[in-house]
Amino acid sequence: MKADIIFKYFPDLTEEQKQHFIQLEALYADWNQKINVVSRKDIDEIYLRHVLHSTGIAKFQQFLPGTTVLDVGTGGGFPGIPLAILFPETQFTLVDAIGKKIKVVQHVVDGLGLTNVTAKHMRVEDLDTKFDFIVSRAVAAMPTFVRWIKGRIKKESLRERRNGILYLKGGDLSEELKDYKTTEIYNLSDHFSEDFFETKKVVYLPLKYKG
């Protein structure tokens, strides 16, 4: 399954964006042989399981130029790198506590020539910057994740949808999200027809602020 699956769901990409998506397969295949950041099985389905899954966030949130986005526990660069390709005028910061993963992220970013991505080897708790949105792919249960990113979201929102978390999760989330009354859950199966997305969701949690 090649990059055509991305073009199917995002038909208005520029030629540069298309080339960036096409390049991802070779870049990850090369680096995965040196540093295993994607499972051997998943590398063959990288466009379905990683790239398209990451872009699911874009079906619910179009990032304005100048928006700042933090990807927590980015691993090999997901969802941050595919989103950075989709939104070249949005600034993405990708963090992970595992150095070898950030090494791969940096090489992929350099290989694509992306200028809107900063990769950092660090824990999010040690980051002192605030962002408009925080994205991630199921690195922890929501209560844990909210604790990790406390104080990392800007109070002022650039658009109608309030700043907050956009989280890629799967399965039954009722117990995990029961204490978050403002949560909105979107089914990726409403946008992507592949069986892989049958239980996959985007969870949006706007963060409340006093004052």
Protein backbone atom coordinates (compact mmCIF):
# COMPACT_ATOMS: atom_id res chain seq x y z
CA MET A 1 0.00 0.00 0.00
CA LYS A 2 1.68 3.15 -1.24
CA ALA A 3 1.19 6.88 -0.86
CA ASP A 4 -1.82 6.74 -3.19
CA ILE A 5 -3.97 6.03 -0.16
CA ILE A 6 -3.04 9.48 1.19
CA PHE A 7 -3.85 11.14 -2.13
CA LYS A 8 -7.23 9.37 -2.16
CA TYR A 9 -8.33 11.14 1.02
CA PHE A 10 -6.40 14.39 0.50
CA PRO A 11 -6.88 15.17 -3.21
CA ASP A 12 -5.82 18.82 -3.01
CA LEU A 13 -2.17 18.29 -2.06
CA THR A 14 0.52 20.28 -3.83
CA GLU A 15 3.17 18.44 -5.84
CA GLU A 16 5.69 19.14 -3.09
CA GLN A 17 3.40 17.62 -0.46
CA LYS A 18 2.85 14.55 -2.66
CA GLN A 19 6.58 14.10 -3.07
CA HIS A 20 7.11 14.38 0.68
CA PHE A 21 4.56 11.65 1.33
CA ILE A 22 6.10 9.43 -1.36
CA GLN A 23 9.56 9.86 0.17
CA LEU A 24 8.42 8.71 3.61
CA GLU A 25 8.42 5.01 2.73
CA ALA A 26 12.06 4.87 1.65
CA LEU A 27 13.24 7.09 4.50
CA TYR A 28 11.56 4.95 7.16
CA ALA A 29 12.53 1.67 5.53
CA ASP A 30 16.17 2.76 5.49
CA TRP A 31 16.25 4.00 9.08
CA ASN A 32 14.17 1.15 10.41
CA GLN A 33 16.95 -1.25 9.40
CA LYS A 34 19.36 0.69 11.62
CA ILE A 35 17.05 1.68 14.48
CA ASN A 36 13.80 -0.23 14.86
CA VAL A 37 11.18 2.45 15.51
CA VAL A 38 8.33 0.85 13.56
CA SER A 39 7.48 -2.83 13.95
CA ARG A 40 8.61 -5.10 11.12
CA LYS A 41 5.00 -5.87 10.26
CA ASP A 42 3.92 -2.23 10.28
CA ILE A 43 6.73 -1.02 8.04
CA ASP A 44 5.02 -2.80 5.14
CA GLU A 45 1.79 -0.95 5.91
CA ILE A 46 3.33 2.33 6.99
CA TYR A 47 0.95 4.45 4.90
CA LEU A 48 -2.16 2.84 6.37
CA ARG A 49 -1.16 2.25 9.99
CA HIS A 50 1.01 5.29 10.58
CA VAL A 51 0.79 7.99 7.92
CA LEU A 52 -2.94 7.94 7.12
CA HIS A 53 -3.78 7.32 10.77
CA SER A 54 -1.79 10.43 11.70
CA THR A 55 -3.55 12.57 9.10
CA GLY A 56 -6.90 11.64 10.65
CA ILE A 57 -6.46 14.61 12.97
CA ALA A 58 -6.64 16.88 9.92
CA LYS A 59 -10.18 15.66 9.22
CA PHE A 60 -11.27 17.44 12.41
CA GLN A 61 -8.80 20.29 12.81
CA GLN A 62 -7.32 22.48 10.11
CA PHE A 63 -4.33 24.25 11.65
CA LEU A 64 -4.03 27.92 10.74
CA PRO A 65 -0.70 29.38 9.58
CA GLY A 66 1.31 30.34 12.64
CA THR A 67 -0.35 27.73 14.87
CA THR A 68 2.03 25.89 17.21
CA VAL A 69 1.54 22.16 17.78
CA LEU A 70 3.32 19.82 20.19
CA ASP A 71 3.52 16.08 19.44
CA VAL A 72 4.12 14.21 22.72
CA GLY A 73 5.78 10.79 22.61
CA THR A 74 6.20 11.11 18.87
CA GLY A 75 8.10 7.82 18.49
CA GLY A 76 9.21 7.70 14.87
CA GLY A 77 7.46 11.00 14.11
CA PHE A 78 3.76 10.18 14.26
CA PRO A 79 1.44 11.99 14.05
CA GLY A 80 3.75 15.02 13.84
CA ILE A 81 5.57 14.49 10.54
CA PRO A 82 2.51 13.68 8.37
CA LEU A 83 0.69 16.65 9.90
CA ALA A 84 3.69 18.89 9.27
CA ILE A 85 3.55 17.89 5.59
CA LEU A 86 -0.16 18.75 5.45
CA PHE A 87 0.29 22.09 7.25
CA PRO A 88 3.62 23.60 6.10
CA GLU A 89 2.85 26.98 7.71
CA THR A 90 2.19 25.46 11.13
CA GLN A 91 5.09 24.98 13.55
CA PHE A 92 5.45 21.50 15.02
CA THR A 93 7.59 20.45 17.98
CA LEU A 94 8.08 16.69 18.31
CA VAL A 95 9.33 15.34 21.64
CA ASP A 96 10.20 11.86 22.86
CA ALA A 97 12.11 10.62 25.89
CA ILE A 98 13.88 7.95 23.81
CA GLY A 99 16.89 9.38 22.02
CA LYS A 100 17.14 6.87 19.19
CA LYS A 101 13.57 7.66 18.12
CA ILE A 102 14.26 11.37 17.95
CA LYS A 103 17.39 10.59 15.95
CA VAL A 104 15.22 8.91 13.32
CA VAL A 105 12.73 11.79 13.41
CA GLN A 106 15.51 14.30 12.79
CA HIS A 107 16.88 12.32 9.85
CA VAL A 108 13.43 11.99 8.28
CA VAL A 109 12.78 15.71 8.75
CA ASP A 110 16.18 16.51 7.20
CA GLY A 111 15.56 14.05 4.37
CA LEU A 112 12.29 15.74 3.50
CA GLY A 113 13.68 19.22 3.98
CA LEU A 114 10.88 20.20 6.36
CA THR A 115 11.49 23.61 7.91
CA ASN A 116 8.45 23.64 10.22
CA VAL A 117 9.51 20.77 12.52
CA THR A 118 11.71 20.85 15.63
CA ALA A 119 12.63 17.49 17.18
CA LYS A 120 13.63 17.33 20.85
CA HIS A 121 14.94 14.47 22.97
CA MET A 122 13.25 15.22 26.29
CA ARG A 123 10.30 14.54 28.54
CA VAL A 124 7.32 16.81 27.98
CA GLU A 125 7.33 17.67 31.69
CA ASP A 126 10.70 19.38 31.17
CA LEU A 127 9.44 21.57 28.33
CA ASP A 128 8.81 25.21 29.26
CA THR A 129 7.01 26.30 26.07
CA LYS A 130 3.25 26.66 25.52
CA PHE A 131 1.41 25.54 22.38
CA ASP A 132 -1.98 25.99 20.72
CA PHE A 133 -2.62 22.27 20.35
CA ILE A 134 -1.08 19.07 21.65
CA VAL A 135 -1.34 15.89 19.57
CA SER A 136 -0.38 12.31 20.33
CA ARG A 137 -1.06 8.68 19.50
CA ALA A 138 -2.22 6.80 22.60
CA VAL A 139 0.98 7.11 24.62
CA ALA A 140 -0.94 6.98 27.93
CA ALA A 141 -4.43 6.97 29.40
CA MET A 142 -6.00 10.43 29.23
CA PRO A 143 -5.71 11.25 32.97
CA THR A 144 -1.98 10.51 32.85
CA PHE A 145 -1.53 12.43 29.62
CA VAL A 146 -3.37 15.48 30.96
CA ARG A 147 -1.06 15.46 33.98
CA TRP A 148 2.01 15.30 31.76
CA ILE A 149 1.03 18.28 29.61
CA LYS A 150 -0.38 20.50 32.35
CA GLY A 151 0.55 24.13 31.73
CA ARG A 152 1.71 23.49 28.15
CA ILE A 153 -1.34 24.87 26.31
CA LYS A 154 -1.78 28.56 25.47
CA LYS A 155 -4.80 30.27 26.97
CA GLU A 156 -5.65 32.37 23.89
CA SER A 157 -7.17 30.44 20.98
CA LEU A 158 -6.58 31.46 17.37
CA ARG A 159 -9.98 30.27 16.16
CA GLU A 160 -13.41 29.06 17.28
CA ARG A 161 -12.25 25.64 18.39
CA ARG A 162 -10.51 26.18 21.70
CA ASN A 163 -6.92 25.14 22.18
CA GLY A 164 -6.53 21.67 23.60
CA ILE A 165 -5.60 18.04 23.02
CA LEU A 166 -6.18 16.07 19.82
CA TYR A 167 -5.53 12.45 20.71
CA LEU A 168 -5.58 9.37 18.46
CA LYS A 169 -7.08 6.48 20.41
CA GLY A 170 -8.91 3.21 19.80
CA GLY A 171 -11.50 0.98 21.41
CA ASP A 172 -13.96 1.73 24.20
CA LEU A 173 -12.97 4.99 25.88
CA SER A 174 -15.99 5.48 28.14
CA GLU A 175 -14.21 4.60 31.38
CA GLU A 176 -11.03 6.50 30.54
CA LEU A 177 -12.87 9.67 29.58
CA LYS A 178 -15.70 9.62 32.12
CA ASP A 179 -14.30 12.56 34.09
CA TYR A 180 -13.88 14.79 31.03
CA LYS A 181 -17.30 16.23 30.30
CA THR A 182 -16.17 18.52 27.46
CA THR A 183 -14.59 15.73 25.41
CA GLU A 184 -15.62 15.30 21.78
CA ILE A 185 -15.02 11.94 20.09
CA TYR A 186 -14.84 11.52 16.32
CA ASN A 187 -14.81 8.17 14.51
CA LEU A 188 -12.13 7.89 11.85
CA SER A 189 -14.29 5.24 10.15
CA ASP A 190 -16.57 8.13 9.10
CA HIS A 191 -13.76 9.37 6.87
CA PHE A 192 -11.55 6.36 6.08
CA SER A 193 -13.14 3.19 4.68
CA GLU A 194 -10.33 0.73 5.50
CA ASP A 195 -11.08 -1.91 8.18
CA PHE A 196 -8.09 -0.70 10.21
CA PHE A 197 -10.06 2.41 11.21
CA GLU A 198 -13.18 0.62 12.42
CA THR A 199 -12.38 1.32 16.10
CA LYS A 200 -10.01 4.26 15.66
CA LYS A 201 -10.98 7.68 17.00
CA VAL A 202 -9.81 11.24 17.41
CA VAL A 203 -10.46 12.53 20.93
CA TYR A 204 -10.63 16.31 21.31
CA LEU A 205 -10.30 17.69 24.81
CA PRO A 206 -10.42 21.48 25.16
CA LEU A 207 -8.57 22.57 28.26
CA LYS A 208 -10.33 24.86 30.71
CA TYR A 209 -8.61 27.89 32.18
CA LYS A 210 -9.56 30.22 34.96
CA GLY A 211 -9.84 33.93 34.36
